[in-house]
Amino acid sequence: MQERIDKEMEDKLRELRINIPVETKLQWQCDTRELETCISRLGDIVQEPVGVPKYSTFQTSTVATGKKGSGPGQLNSPQGVAIHEATNQIFVADCFTNRVEIFSGTGEYLNQLGVEQLDSPYSIAIHEENVYVSCLRRHTISQFTLTNMSLVRKVGGMGSNNGQFNYPCQLTTDPIGHVFIADSDNNRISVHDTDLNHLRNITHKSMAQPVDVKVSRNRVYVLCRNNNPCMHVLTLEGGKLHSLITCGQGMDVLFPYFFCLDSLNNFVISDEDTHTIRVFSPEGNLLHKIGTKRHQQGMLYNPKGIAITPNGRLVSLSNNKNYGLEIFY
């Protein structure tokens, strides 16, 4: 039974990927008054800057590995990753063991949360002492407190009404605690307060199957898959909706569905198909490429979640045979 359920989750995770032809171009602008109104209601969105990594000098260190399994520090299909900025601790959503594992900033295993309370955790966001976790299988968002590592509340369930989700993928928070959720199959960004009360939805006819979302400098960035097919990052800028990154440019295929921003607003994208991490400027120009396809420790293979620590270290999850947590120095 468990093998069948895990196979269903693997199929859903695979469905979130899509082949992108070489040099796929998406040039479009459209009226975004509705989207602009949605964002203006949120008030000012200000993202605290994080360290700027020196990408050209990075060396890879696989600091948290182990046999595939459910023991302390072991991983089985790790997906999302988040950093607790006050402590520099690394939180990993380990999908098939139904838990969140916590590591130090240098990769030592510390603790876990959500055991027997999570079902296929996919993404993590942290605001102060609150940890938010999206669960694909149950279409829910769970809130934990770091004060005593306990579950505070769980919201959602499959559906399209406000407060319901249909495969919630990545989520993020802004500095005042709003939670932004990429509600993938509902084709929207669902916005909630610190206690997970639904506030509003951000939607647009061109926003199809969002898989990741970030907020920074009064903008909302959305990585989504639409019907072209193409994957692109969207932001509201000057009343227009722009495609910032042209998928396929300079590479054969691009499968980005995890990304983060550094303090210069560069896009740091986990590219599963090419087994690399790619860094793009805010204008969409390729700046750096990190990694190569390898199963060995210290190499990338099907990189997943990605984050940047306050001191500028890049953290990535890699599904190599050791299921590694990679920290780039």
C-alpha atoms as a PDB file:
ATOM      1  CA  MET A   1       0.000   0.000   0.000  1.00  0.00           C
ATOM      2  CA  GLN A   2       2.768   2.445   0.952  1.00  0.00           C
ATOM      3  CA  GLU A   3       4.641   1.669  -2.283  1.00  0.00           C
ATOM      4  CA  ARG A   4       1.506   2.466  -4.294  1.00  0.00           C
ATOM      5  CA  ILE A   5       1.002   5.755  -2.448  1.00  0.00           C
ATOM      6  CA  ASP A   6       4.644   6.707  -2.945  1.00  0.00           C
ATOM      7  CA  LYS A   7       4.317   5.909  -6.659  1.00  0.00           C
ATOM      8  CA  GLU A   8       1.309   8.254  -6.869  1.00  0.00           C
ATOM      9  CA  MET A   9       3.340  11.017  -5.246  1.00  0.00           C
ATOM     10  CA  GLU A  10       6.249  10.385  -7.617  1.00  0.00           C
ATOM     11  CA  ASP A  11       3.838  10.685 -10.551  1.00  0.00           C
ATOM     12  CA  LYS A  12       2.517  14.012  -9.220  1.00  0.00           C
ATOM     13  CA  LEU A  13       6.004  15.371  -8.657  1.00  0.00           C
ATOM     14  CA  ARG A  14       6.913  14.305 -12.179  1.00  0.00           C
ATOM     15  CA  GLU A  15       3.768  15.993 -13.523  1.00  0.00           C
ATOM     16  CA  LEU A  16       5.026  19.326 -12.206  1.00  0.00           C
ATOM     17  CA  ARG A  17       7.861  19.086 -14.720  1.00  0.00           C
ATOM     18  CA  ILE A  18       7.470  19.831 -18.414  1.00  0.00           C
ATOM     19  CA  ASN A  19       9.798  19.594 -21.411  1.00  0.00           C
ATOM     20  CA  ILE A  20      10.785  22.979 -22.794  1.00  0.00           C
ATOM     21  CA  PRO A  21      12.086  23.280 -26.350  1.00  0.00           C
ATOM     22  CA  VAL A  22      15.420  24.940 -27.025  1.00  0.00           C
ATOM     23  CA  GLU A  23      15.171  28.723 -27.326  1.00  0.00           C
ATOM     24  CA  THR A  24      11.493  28.820 -26.386  1.00  0.00           C
ATOM     25  CA  LYS A  25      10.528  32.490 -26.524  1.00  0.00           C
ATOM     26  CA  LEU A  26       7.718  34.157 -24.662  1.00  0.00           C
ATOM     27  CA  GLN A  27       7.236  37.823 -25.449  1.00  0.00           C
ATOM     28  CA  TRP A  28       4.008  39.243 -24.129  1.00  0.00           C
ATOM     29  CA  GLN A  29       2.498  42.045 -22.143  1.00  0.00           C
ATOM     30  CA  CYS A  30      -1.058  42.310 -20.933  1.00  0.00           C
ATOM     31  CA  ASP A  31      -3.411  44.384 -18.853  1.00  0.00           C
ATOM     32  CA  THR A  32      -2.764  43.512 -15.208  1.00  0.00           C
ATOM     33  CA  ARG A  33      -5.053  45.922 -13.383  1.00  0.00           C
ATOM     34  CA  GLU A  34      -6.690  43.068 -11.497  1.00  0.00           C
ATOM     35  CA  LEU A  35      -3.333  41.647 -10.429  1.00  0.00           C
ATOM     36  CA  GLU A  36      -2.040  45.107  -9.507  1.00  0.00           C
ATOM     37  CA  THR A  37      -5.119  45.692  -7.353  1.00  0.00           C
ATOM     38  CA  CYS A  38      -4.612  42.365  -5.558  1.00  0.00           C
ATOM     39  CA  ILE A  39      -1.008  43.190  -4.755  1.00  0.00           C
ATOM     40  CA  SER A  40      -1.751  46.773  -3.693  1.00  0.00           C
ATOM     41  CA  ARG A  41      -4.145  45.474  -1.041  1.00  0.00           C
ATOM     42  CA  LEU A  42      -1.279  43.634   0.607  1.00  0.00           C
ATOM     43  CA  GLY A  43       0.496  46.833   1.557  1.00  0.00           C
ATOM     44  CA  ASP A  44       4.207  47.318   1.159  1.00  0.00           C
ATOM     45  CA  ILE A  45       6.161  44.125   0.669  1.00  0.00           C
ATOM     46  CA  VAL A  46       9.749  44.451   1.756  1.00  0.00           C
ATOM     47  CA  GLN A  47      12.107  41.495   1.811  1.00  0.00           C
ATOM     48  CA  GLU A  48      15.087  41.708   4.132  1.00  0.00           C
ATOM     49  CA  PRO A  49      18.263  41.272   2.070  1.00  0.00           C
ATOM     50  CA  VAL A  50      20.229  38.064   2.416  1.00  0.00           C
ATOM     51  CA  GLY A  51      23.903  37.550   1.762  1.00  0.00           C
ATOM     52  CA  VAL A  52      25.170  37.721  -1.798  1.00  0.00           C
ATOM     53  CA  PRO A  53      27.038  34.493  -2.607  1.00  0.00           C
ATOM     54  CA  LYS A  54      30.286  34.660  -4.559  1.00  0.00           C
ATOM     55  CA  TYR A  55      29.071  32.176  -7.126  1.00  0.00           C
ATOM     56  CA  SER A  56      32.296  32.028  -9.101  1.00  0.00           C
ATOM     57  CA  THR A  57      34.288  30.832  -6.075  1.00  0.00           C
ATOM     58  CA  PHE A  58      31.855  28.221  -4.777  1.00  0.00           C
ATOM     59  CA  GLN A  59      33.060  24.802  -3.790  1.00  0.00           C
ATOM     60  CA  THR A  60      30.591  22.061  -2.967  1.00  0.00           C
ATOM     61  CA  SER A  61      30.498  20.268   0.357  1.00  0.00           C
ATOM     62  CA  THR A  62      27.976  17.495   0.950  1.00  0.00           C
ATOM     63  CA  VAL A  63      27.560  17.884   4.686  1.00  0.00           C
ATOM     64  CA  ALA A  64      24.434  15.861   5.404  1.00  0.00           C
ATOM     65  CA  THR A  65      24.128  12.535   3.704  1.00  0.00           C
ATOM     66  CA  GLY A  66      23.192   9.029   4.580  1.00  0.00           C
ATOM     67  CA  LYS A  67      21.572   5.963   3.281  1.00  0.00           C
ATOM     68  CA  LYS A  68      18.105   6.371   1.912  1.00  0.00           C
ATOM     69  CA  GLY A  69      15.857   5.899   4.901  1.00  0.00           C
ATOM     70  CA  SER A  70      13.929   7.368   7.787  1.00  0.00           C
ATOM     71  CA  GLY A  71      16.595   7.442  10.488  1.00  0.00           C
ATOM     72  CA  PRO A  72      17.982  10.641  12.029  1.00  0.00           C
ATOM     73  CA  GLY A  73      19.647  12.656   9.293  1.00  0.00           C
ATOM     74  CA  GLN A  74      18.572  10.266   6.542  1.00  0.00           C
ATOM     75  CA  LEU A  75      16.498  11.511   3.619  1.00  0.00           C
ATOM     76  CA  ASN A  76      14.002  10.025   1.193  1.00  0.00           C
ATOM     77  CA  SER A  77      12.886  12.363  -1.607  1.00  0.00           C
ATOM     78  CA  PRO A  78      13.802  15.710  -0.001  1.00  0.00           C
ATOM     79  CA  GLN A  79      12.008  18.582  -1.716  1.00  0.00           C
ATOM     80  CA  GLY A  80      11.845  22.052  -0.135  1.00  0.00           C
ATOM     81  CA  VAL A  81      14.413  23.774   2.082  1.00  0.00           C
ATOM     82  CA  ALA A  82      14.278  26.918   4.227  1.00  0.00           C
ATOM     83  CA  ILE A  83      16.667  28.802   6.510  1.00  0.00           C
ATOM     84  CA  HIS A  84      15.831  30.094   9.993  1.00  0.00           C
ATOM     85  CA  GLU A  85      17.743  33.361   9.782  1.00  0.00           C
ATOM     86  CA  ALA A  86      18.071  33.908  13.545  1.00  0.00           C
ATOM     87  CA  THR A  87      19.868  30.594  14.076  1.00  0.00           C
ATOM     88  CA  ASN A  88      21.076  29.766  10.543  1.00  0.00           C
ATOM     89  CA  GLN A  89      19.433  26.345  10.934  1.00  0.00           C
ATOM     90  CA  ILE A  90      18.398  24.462   7.791  1.00  0.00           C
ATOM     91  CA  PHE A  91      14.911  22.936   7.547  1.00  0.00           C
ATOM     92  CA  VAL A  92      14.311  20.176   4.982  1.00  0.00           C
ATOM     93  CA  ALA A  93      10.916  18.860   3.837  1.00  0.00           C
ATOM     94  CA  ASP A  94      11.528  15.127   3.424  1.00  0.00           C
ATOM     95  CA  CYS A  95       8.564  14.045   1.345  1.00  0.00           C
ATOM     96  CA  PHE A  96       8.514  10.259   1.684  1.00  0.00           C
ATOM     97  CA  THR A  97       9.357  10.118   5.407  1.00  0.00           C
ATOM     98  CA  ASN A  98       6.568  12.606   6.208  1.00  0.00           C
ATOM     99  CA  ARG A  99       8.644  14.919   8.363  1.00  0.00           C
ATOM    100  CA  VAL A 100      10.796  18.027   8.470  1.00  0.00           C
ATOM    101  CA  GLU A 101      14.427  17.496   9.443  1.00  0.00           C
ATOM    102  CA  ILE A 102      16.483  20.255  11.034  1.00  0.00           C
ATOM    103  CA  PHE A 103      20.235  20.669  10.510  1.00  0.00           C
ATOM    104  CA  SER A 104      22.745  23.191  11.785  1.00  0.00           C
ATOM    105  CA  GLY A 105      24.197  25.768   9.429  1.00  0.00           C
ATOM    106  CA  THR A 106      27.134  23.439   8.869  1.00  0.00           C
ATOM    107  CA  GLY A 107      24.983  20.382   8.269  1.00  0.00           C
ATOM    108  CA  GLU A 108      24.873  18.505  11.574  1.00  0.00           C
ATOM    109  CA  TYR A 109      21.559  16.798  12.264  1.00  0.00           C
ATOM    110  CA  LEU A 110      19.689  18.478  15.143  1.00  0.00           C
ATOM    111  CA  ASN A 111      16.040  17.529  15.328  1.00  0.00           C
ATOM    112  CA  GLN A 112      12.844  16.804  13.432  1.00  0.00           C
ATOM    113  CA  LEU A 113       9.236  17.940  13.539  1.00  0.00           C
ATOM    114  CA  GLY A 114       5.913  16.874  12.095  1.00  0.00           C
ATOM    115  CA  VAL A 115       6.325  13.135  12.638  1.00  0.00           C
ATOM    116  CA  GLU A 116       2.848  11.534  12.400  1.00  0.00           C
ATOM    117  CA  GLN A 117       1.433  14.998  11.592  1.00  0.00           C
ATOM    118  CA  LEU A 118       2.604  15.580   8.013  1.00  0.00           C
ATOM    119  CA  ASP A 119       1.750  13.747   4.810  1.00  0.00           C
ATOM    120  CA  SER A 120       4.132  14.252   1.876  1.00  0.00           C
ATOM    121  CA  PRO A 121       5.626  17.601   2.961  1.00  0.00           C
ATOM    122  CA  TYR A 122       6.838  19.546  -0.041  1.00  0.00           C
ATOM    123  CA  SER A 123       7.803  23.078   0.940  1.00  0.00           C
ATOM    124  CA  ILE A 124       8.763  25.085   4.034  1.00  0.00           C
ATOM    125  CA  ALA A 125       8.622  28.764   4.960  1.00  0.00           C
ATOM    126  CA  ILE A 126       9.761  30.290   8.250  1.00  0.00           C
ATOM    127  CA  HIS A 127       8.765  33.563   9.912  1.00  0.00           C
ATOM    128  CA  GLU A 128      10.233  34.215  13.348  1.00  0.00           C
ATOM    129  CA  GLU A 129       9.219  31.166  15.433  1.00  0.00           C
ATOM    130  CA  ASN A 130       6.561  29.935  12.989  1.00  0.00           C
ATOM    131  CA  VAL A 131       7.274  27.145  10.511  1.00  0.00           C
ATOM    132  CA  TYR A 132       4.795  26.602   7.663  1.00  0.00           C
ATOM    133  CA  VAL A 133       4.766  23.352   5.689  1.00  0.00           C
ATOM    134  CA  SER A 134       2.797  22.500   2.545  1.00  0.00           C
ATOM    135  CA  CYS A 135       1.641  18.895   2.116  1.00  0.00           C
ATOM    136  CA  LEU A 136       0.804  17.740  -1.391  1.00  0.00           C
ATOM    137  CA  ARG A 137      -1.098  14.572  -0.619  1.00  0.00           C
ATOM    138  CA  ARG A 138      -3.607  16.170   1.774  1.00  0.00           C
ATOM    139  CA  HIS A 139      -3.610  19.597   0.103  1.00  0.00           C
ATOM    140  CA  THR A 140      -2.944  21.286   3.450  1.00  0.00           C
ATOM    141  CA  ILE A 141      -0.698  23.851   5.116  1.00  0.00           C
ATOM    142  CA  SER A 142       0.523  23.100   8.648  1.00  0.00           C
ATOM    143  CA  GLN A 143       1.864  25.657  11.111  1.00  0.00           C
ATOM    144  CA  PHE A 144       4.381  24.644  13.792  1.00  0.00           C
ATOM    145  CA  THR A 145       5.982  26.678  16.543  1.00  0.00           C
ATOM    146  CA  LEU A 146       9.669  26.369  17.320  1.00  0.00           C
ATOM    147  CA  THR A 147       8.969  27.239  20.955  1.00  0.00           C
ATOM    148  CA  ASN A 148       8.062  23.633  21.763  1.00  0.00           C
ATOM    149  CA  MET A 149       8.213  22.059  18.275  1.00  0.00           C
ATOM    150  CA  SER A 150       4.450  21.459  18.298  1.00  0.00           C
ATOM    151  CA  LEU A 151       1.716  21.684  15.676  1.00  0.00           C
ATOM    152  CA  VAL A 152      -0.326  24.881  16.051  1.00  0.00           C
ATOM    153  CA  ARG A 153      -2.895  24.424  13.306  1.00  0.00           C
ATOM    154  CA  LYS A 154      -3.570  22.821   9.956  1.00  0.00           C
ATOM    155  CA  VAL A 155      -5.711  24.422   7.239  1.00  0.00           C
ATOM    156  CA  GLY A 156      -6.898  23.545   3.770  1.00  0.00           C
ATOM    157  CA  GLY A 157      -8.076  20.377   2.147  1.00  0.00           C
ATOM    158  CA  MET A 158      -8.626  19.733  -1.532  1.00  0.00           C
ATOM    159  CA  GLY A 159     -10.898  22.241  -3.256  1.00  0.00           C
ATOM    160  CA  SER A 160     -11.072  25.622  -4.962  1.00  0.00           C
ATOM    161  CA  ASN A 161     -12.830  27.689  -2.301  1.00  0.00           C
ATOM    162  CA  ASN A 162     -10.922  30.321  -0.349  1.00  0.00           C
ATOM    163  CA  GLY A 163      -8.736  28.535   2.165  1.00  0.00           C
ATOM    164  CA  GLN A 164      -8.709  25.302   0.178  1.00  0.00           C
ATOM    165  CA  PHE A 165      -5.878  24.091  -2.043  1.00  0.00           C
ATOM    166  CA  ASN A 166      -5.244  21.895  -5.035  1.00  0.00           C
ATOM    167  CA  TYR A 167      -1.637  20.725  -4.796  1.00  0.00           C
ATOM    168  CA  PRO A 168      -0.050  23.574  -2.827  1.00  0.00           C
ATOM    169  CA  CYS A 169       3.585  23.680  -3.907  1.00  0.00           C
ATOM    170  CA  GLN A 170       6.094  26.249  -2.713  1.00  0.00           C
ATOM    171  CA  LEU A 171       5.281  28.842  -0.088  1.00  0.00           C
ATOM    172  CA  THR A 172       7.073  31.870   1.311  1.00  0.00           C
ATOM    173  CA  THR A 173       6.573  34.631   3.871  1.00  0.00           C
ATOM    174  CA  ASP A 174       7.096  38.370   3.848  1.00  0.00           C
ATOM    175  CA  PRO A 175       8.637  40.290   6.788  1.00  0.00           C
ATOM    176  CA  ILE A 176       5.264  40.995   8.432  1.00  0.00           C
ATOM    177  CA  GLY A 177       4.251  37.346   8.349  1.00  0.00           C
ATOM    178  CA  HIS A 178       1.950  37.068   5.338  1.00  0.00           C
ATOM    179  CA  VAL A 179       2.151  33.575   3.857  1.00  0.00           C
ATOM    180  CA  PHE A 180       2.137  33.301   0.050  1.00  0.00           C
ATOM    181  CA  ILE A 181       1.225  29.853  -1.306  1.00  0.00           C
ATOM    182  CA  ALA A 182       1.634  28.671  -4.906  1.00  0.00           C
ATOM    183  CA  ASP A 183      -1.727  26.888  -5.198  1.00  0.00           C
ATOM    184  CA  SER A 184      -0.681  25.057  -8.319  1.00  0.00           C
ATOM    185  CA  ASP A 185      -3.745  23.383  -9.784  1.00  0.00           C
ATOM    186  CA  ASN A 186      -6.029  26.249  -8.709  1.00  0.00           C
ATOM    187  CA  ASN A 187      -3.839  28.589 -10.810  1.00  0.00           C
ATOM    188  CA  ARG A 188      -3.433  31.199  -8.097  1.00  0.00           C
ATOM    189  CA  ILE A 189      -1.309  32.538  -5.283  1.00  0.00           C
ATOM    190  CA  SER A 190      -3.219  32.194  -2.020  1.00  0.00           C
ATOM    191  CA  VAL A 191      -2.299  34.802   0.612  1.00  0.00           C
ATOM    192  CA  HIS A 192      -2.800  34.186   4.342  1.00  0.00           C
ATOM    193  CA  ASP A 193      -1.985  35.971   7.589  1.00  0.00           C
ATOM    194  CA  THR A 194       0.382  34.669  10.253  1.00  0.00           C
ATOM    195  CA  ASP A 195      -2.346  32.428  11.709  1.00  0.00           C
ATOM    196  CA  LEU A 196      -3.179  31.056   8.229  1.00  0.00           C
ATOM    197  CA  ASN A 197      -6.451  32.943   7.912  1.00  0.00           C
ATOM    198  CA  HIS A 198      -7.157  33.457   4.218  1.00  0.00           C
ATOM    199  CA  LEU A 199      -6.748  37.063   3.085  1.00  0.00           C
ATOM    200  CA  ARG A 200      -7.070  37.043  -0.696  1.00  0.00           C
ATOM    201  CA  ASN A 201      -5.984  35.384  -3.929  1.00  0.00           C
ATOM    202  CA  ILE A 202      -3.675  36.714  -6.618  1.00  0.00           C
ATOM    203  CA  THR A 203      -4.818  35.472 -10.007  1.00  0.00           C
ATOM    204  CA  HIS A 204      -4.329  36.279 -13.652  1.00  0.00           C
ATOM    205  CA  LYS A 205      -5.360  34.620 -16.894  1.00  0.00           C
ATOM    206  CA  SER A 206      -1.686  34.109 -17.768  1.00  0.00           C
ATOM    207  CA  MET A 207      -0.797  32.610 -14.385  1.00  0.00           C
ATOM    208  CA  ALA A 208      -1.211  28.880 -14.966  1.00  0.00           C
ATOM    209  CA  GLN A 209       0.018  26.233 -12.531  1.00  0.00           C
ATOM    210  CA  PRO A 210       2.333  28.302 -10.317  1.00  0.00           C
ATOM    211  CA  VAL A 211       4.930  26.115  -8.632  1.00  0.00           C
ATOM    212  CA  ASP A 212       7.035  28.626  -6.687  1.00  0.00           C
ATOM    213  CA  VAL A 213       6.592  32.146  -5.325  1.00  0.00           C
ATOM    214  CA  LYS A 214       8.846  34.736  -3.695  1.00  0.00           C
ATOM    215  CA  VAL A 215       8.319  38.329  -2.534  1.00  0.00           C
ATOM    216  CA  SER A 216      10.959  41.043  -2.637  1.00  0.00           C
ATOM    217  CA  ARG A 217      11.118  44.823  -2.957  1.00  0.00           C
ATOM    218  CA  ASN A 218       7.379  45.361  -3.400  1.00  0.00           C
ATOM    219  CA  ARG A 219       7.122  42.718  -6.080  1.00  0.00           C
ATOM    220  CA  VAL A 220       5.710  39.219  -6.217  1.00  0.00           C
ATOM    221  CA  TYR A 221       7.713  36.754  -8.311  1.00  0.00           C
ATOM    222  CA  VAL A 222       5.953  33.641  -9.560  1.00  0.00           C
ATOM    223  CA  LEU A 223       7.452  30.657 -11.319  1.00  0.00           C
ATOM    224  CA  CYS A 224       4.673  28.958 -13.243  1.00  0.00           C
ATOM    225  CA  ARG A 225       3.868  26.560 -16.022  1.00  0.00           C
ATOM    226  CA  ASN A 226       1.315  27.704 -18.552  1.00  0.00           C
ATOM    227  CA  ASN A 227      -0.294  26.213 -21.617  1.00  0.00           C
ATOM    228  CA  ASN A 228       2.266  27.344 -24.209  1.00  0.00           C
ATOM    229  CA  PRO A 229       4.120  25.270 -22.833  1.00  0.00           C
ATOM    230  CA  CYS A 230       6.736  27.383 -21.129  1.00  0.00           C
ATOM    231  CA  MET A 231       7.986  28.112 -17.651  1.00  0.00           C
ATOM    232  CA  HIS A 232       8.673  31.664 -16.679  1.00  0.00           C
ATOM    233  CA  VAL A 233       9.062  34.043 -13.776  1.00  0.00           C
ATOM    234  CA  LEU A 234       6.420  36.721 -13.501  1.00  0.00           C
ATOM    235  CA  THR A 235       6.517  40.026 -11.690  1.00  0.00           C
ATOM    236  CA  LEU A 236       4.396  43.139 -11.668  1.00  0.00           C
ATOM    237  CA  GLU A 237       6.460  46.015 -12.983  1.00  0.00           C
ATOM    238  CA  GLY A 238       5.130  49.279 -14.304  1.00  0.00           C
ATOM    239  CA  GLY A 239       1.587  47.941 -14.598  1.00  0.00           C
ATOM    240  CA  LYS A 240       2.668  45.192 -16.978  1.00  0.00           C
ATOM    241  CA  LEU A 241       3.182  41.486 -16.501  1.00  0.00           C
ATOM    242  CA  HIS A 242       6.599  40.506 -17.837  1.00  0.00           C
ATOM    243  CA  SER A 243       8.407  37.280 -18.568  1.00  0.00           C
ATOM    244  CA  LEU A 244      11.794  37.824 -16.959  1.00  0.00           C
ATOM    245  CA  ILE A 245      13.548  34.590 -17.889  1.00  0.00           C
ATOM    246  CA  THR A 246      13.349  33.044 -21.344  1.00  0.00           C
ATOM    247  CA  CYS A 247      13.271  29.307 -20.829  1.00  0.00           C
ATOM    248  CA  GLY A 248      15.747  27.313 -22.864  1.00  0.00           C
ATOM    249  CA  GLN A 249      18.056  30.240 -23.561  1.00  0.00           C
ATOM    250  CA  GLY A 250      21.657  29.054 -23.673  1.00  0.00           C
ATOM    251  CA  MET A 251      20.830  25.457 -22.761  1.00  0.00           C
ATOM    252  CA  ASP A 252      19.047  22.449 -24.172  1.00  0.00           C
ATOM    253  CA  VAL A 253      16.242  22.034 -21.649  1.00  0.00           C
ATOM    254  CA  LEU A 254      15.318  23.909 -18.474  1.00  0.00           C
ATOM    255  CA  PHE A 255      13.162  22.435 -15.712  1.00  0.00           C
ATOM    256  CA  PRO A 256      13.020  25.173 -13.076  1.00  0.00           C
ATOM    257  CA  TYR A 257      10.439  24.738 -10.363  1.00  0.00           C
ATOM    258  CA  PHE A 258      12.505  25.735  -7.316  1.00  0.00           C
ATOM    259  CA  PHE A 259      14.187  29.128  -7.084  1.00  0.00           C
ATOM    260  CA  CYS A 260      15.298  31.761  -4.602  1.00  0.00           C
ATOM    261  CA  LEU A 261      16.491  35.366  -4.749  1.00  0.00           C
ATOM    262  CA  ASP A 262      19.710  36.858  -3.446  1.00  0.00           C
ATOM    263  CA  SER A 263      19.956  40.418  -2.132  1.00  0.00           C
ATOM    264  CA  LEU A 264      20.726  41.708  -5.631  1.00  0.00           C
ATOM    265  CA  ASN A 265      17.489  40.106  -6.851  1.00  0.00           C
ATOM    266  CA  ASN A 266      19.389  37.595  -8.943  1.00  0.00           C
ATOM    267  CA  PHE A 267      17.359  34.464  -9.619  1.00  0.00           C
ATOM    268  CA  VAL A 268      19.069  31.334  -8.309  1.00  0.00           C
ATOM    269  CA  ILE A 269      17.333  28.426 -10.016  1.00  0.00           C
ATOM    270  CA  SER A 270      17.548  24.723  -9.324  1.00  0.00           C
ATOM    271  CA  ASP A 271      17.664  23.128 -12.788  1.00  0.00           C
ATOM    272  CA  GLU A 272      16.809  19.465 -12.340  1.00  0.00           C
ATOM    273  CA  ASP A 273      17.150  18.420 -15.969  1.00  0.00           C
ATOM    274  CA  THR A 274      20.716  19.673 -16.433  1.00  0.00           C
ATOM    275  CA  HIS A 275      21.698  18.768 -12.839  1.00  0.00           C
ATOM    276  CA  THR A 276      22.929  22.296 -12.203  1.00  0.00           C
ATOM    277  CA  ILE A 277      22.112  25.465 -10.321  1.00  0.00           C
ATOM    278  CA  ARG A 278      21.872  28.475 -12.603  1.00  0.00           C
ATOM    279  CA  VAL A 279      22.033  32.123 -11.609  1.00  0.00           C
ATOM    280  CA  PHE A 280      20.240  34.755 -13.691  1.00  0.00           C
ATOM    281  CA  SER A 281      20.358  38.527 -13.391  1.00  0.00           C
ATOM    282  CA  PRO A 282      17.116  40.443 -12.707  1.00  0.00           C
ATOM    283  CA  GLU A 283      16.992  41.032 -16.477  1.00  0.00           C
ATOM    284  CA  GLY A 284      17.082  37.302 -17.171  1.00  0.00           C
ATOM    285  CA  ASN A 285      20.702  36.994 -18.315  1.00  0.00           C
ATOM    286  CA  LEU A 286      22.589  33.843 -17.348  1.00  0.00           C
ATOM    287  CA  LEU A 287      25.413  34.762 -14.953  1.00  0.00           C
ATOM    288  CA  HIS A 288      26.711  31.526 -13.453  1.00  0.00           C
ATOM    289  CA  LYS A 289      26.300  27.778 -13.613  1.00  0.00           C
ATOM    290  CA  ILE A 290      27.114  25.590 -10.620  1.00  0.00           C
ATOM    291  CA  GLY A 291      27.453  21.837 -10.526  1.00  0.00           C
ATOM    292  CA  THR A 292      27.510  18.873 -12.840  1.00  0.00           C
ATOM    293  CA  LYS A 293      25.674  15.558 -13.044  1.00  0.00           C
ATOM    294  CA  ARG A 294      27.189  13.105 -10.582  1.00  0.00           C
ATOM    295  CA  HIS A 295      25.920  10.585  -8.065  1.00  0.00           C
ATOM    296  CA  GLN A 296      28.944  11.048  -5.811  1.00  0.00           C
ATOM    297  CA  GLN A 297      29.024  13.194  -2.716  1.00  0.00           C
ATOM    298  CA  GLY A 298      29.628  16.841  -3.445  1.00  0.00           C
ATOM    299  CA  MET A 299      28.002  16.603  -6.875  1.00  0.00           C
ATOM    300  CA  LEU A 300      24.520  17.591  -7.991  1.00  0.00           C
ATOM    301  CA  TYR A 301      21.948  15.137  -9.220  1.00  0.00           C
ATOM    302  CA  ASN A 302      18.325  16.206  -9.718  1.00  0.00           C
ATOM    303  CA  PRO A 303      18.735  19.258  -7.454  1.00  0.00           C
ATOM    304  CA  LYS A 304      15.529  20.247  -5.684  1.00  0.00           C
ATOM    305  CA  GLY A 305      14.912  22.942  -3.070  1.00  0.00           C
ATOM    306  CA  ILE A 306      17.335  25.835  -2.840  1.00  0.00           C
ATOM    307  CA  ALA A 307      17.989  28.638  -0.328  1.00  0.00           C
ATOM    308  CA  ILE A 308      20.626  31.192   0.662  1.00  0.00           C
ATOM    309  CA  THR A 309      21.807  31.600   4.248  1.00  0.00           C
ATOM    310  CA  PRO A 310      22.231  35.045   5.852  1.00  0.00           C
ATOM    311  CA  ASN A 311      26.018  34.729   5.472  1.00  0.00           C
ATOM    312  CA  GLY A 312      25.749  34.023   1.742  1.00  0.00           C
ATOM    313  CA  ARG A 313      26.069  30.249   1.601  1.00  0.00           C
ATOM    314  CA  LEU A 314      23.997  28.462  -0.979  1.00  0.00           C
ATOM    315  CA  VAL A 315      22.044  25.421   0.234  1.00  0.00           C
ATOM    316  CA  SER A 316      20.599  22.851  -2.167  1.00  0.00           C
ATOM    317  CA  LEU A 317      18.965  19.454  -1.877  1.00  0.00           C
ATOM    318  CA  SER A 318      20.289  16.844  -4.267  1.00  0.00           C
ATOM    319  CA  ASN A 319      18.661  13.496  -4.963  1.00  0.00           C
ATOM    320  CA  ASN A 320      21.877  11.638  -5.621  1.00  0.00           C
ATOM    321  CA  LYS A 321      22.275   8.117  -4.298  1.00  0.00           C
ATOM    322  CA  ASN A 322      23.266   9.610  -0.936  1.00  0.00           C
ATOM    323  CA  TYR A 323      20.292  12.009  -0.820  1.00  0.00           C
ATOM    324  CA  GLY A 324      22.564  14.896   0.049  1.00  0.00           C
ATOM    325  CA  LEU A 325      22.141  18.284   1.617  1.00  0.00           C
ATOM    326  CA  GLU A 326      24.680  20.380  -0.262  1.00  0.00           C
ATOM    327  CA  ILE A 327      26.202  23.551   1.182  1.00  0.00           C
ATOM    328  CA  PHE A 328      28.292  25.691  -1.180  1.00  0.00           C
ATOM    329  CA  TYR A 329      31.110  27.658   0.455  1.00  0.00           C
END
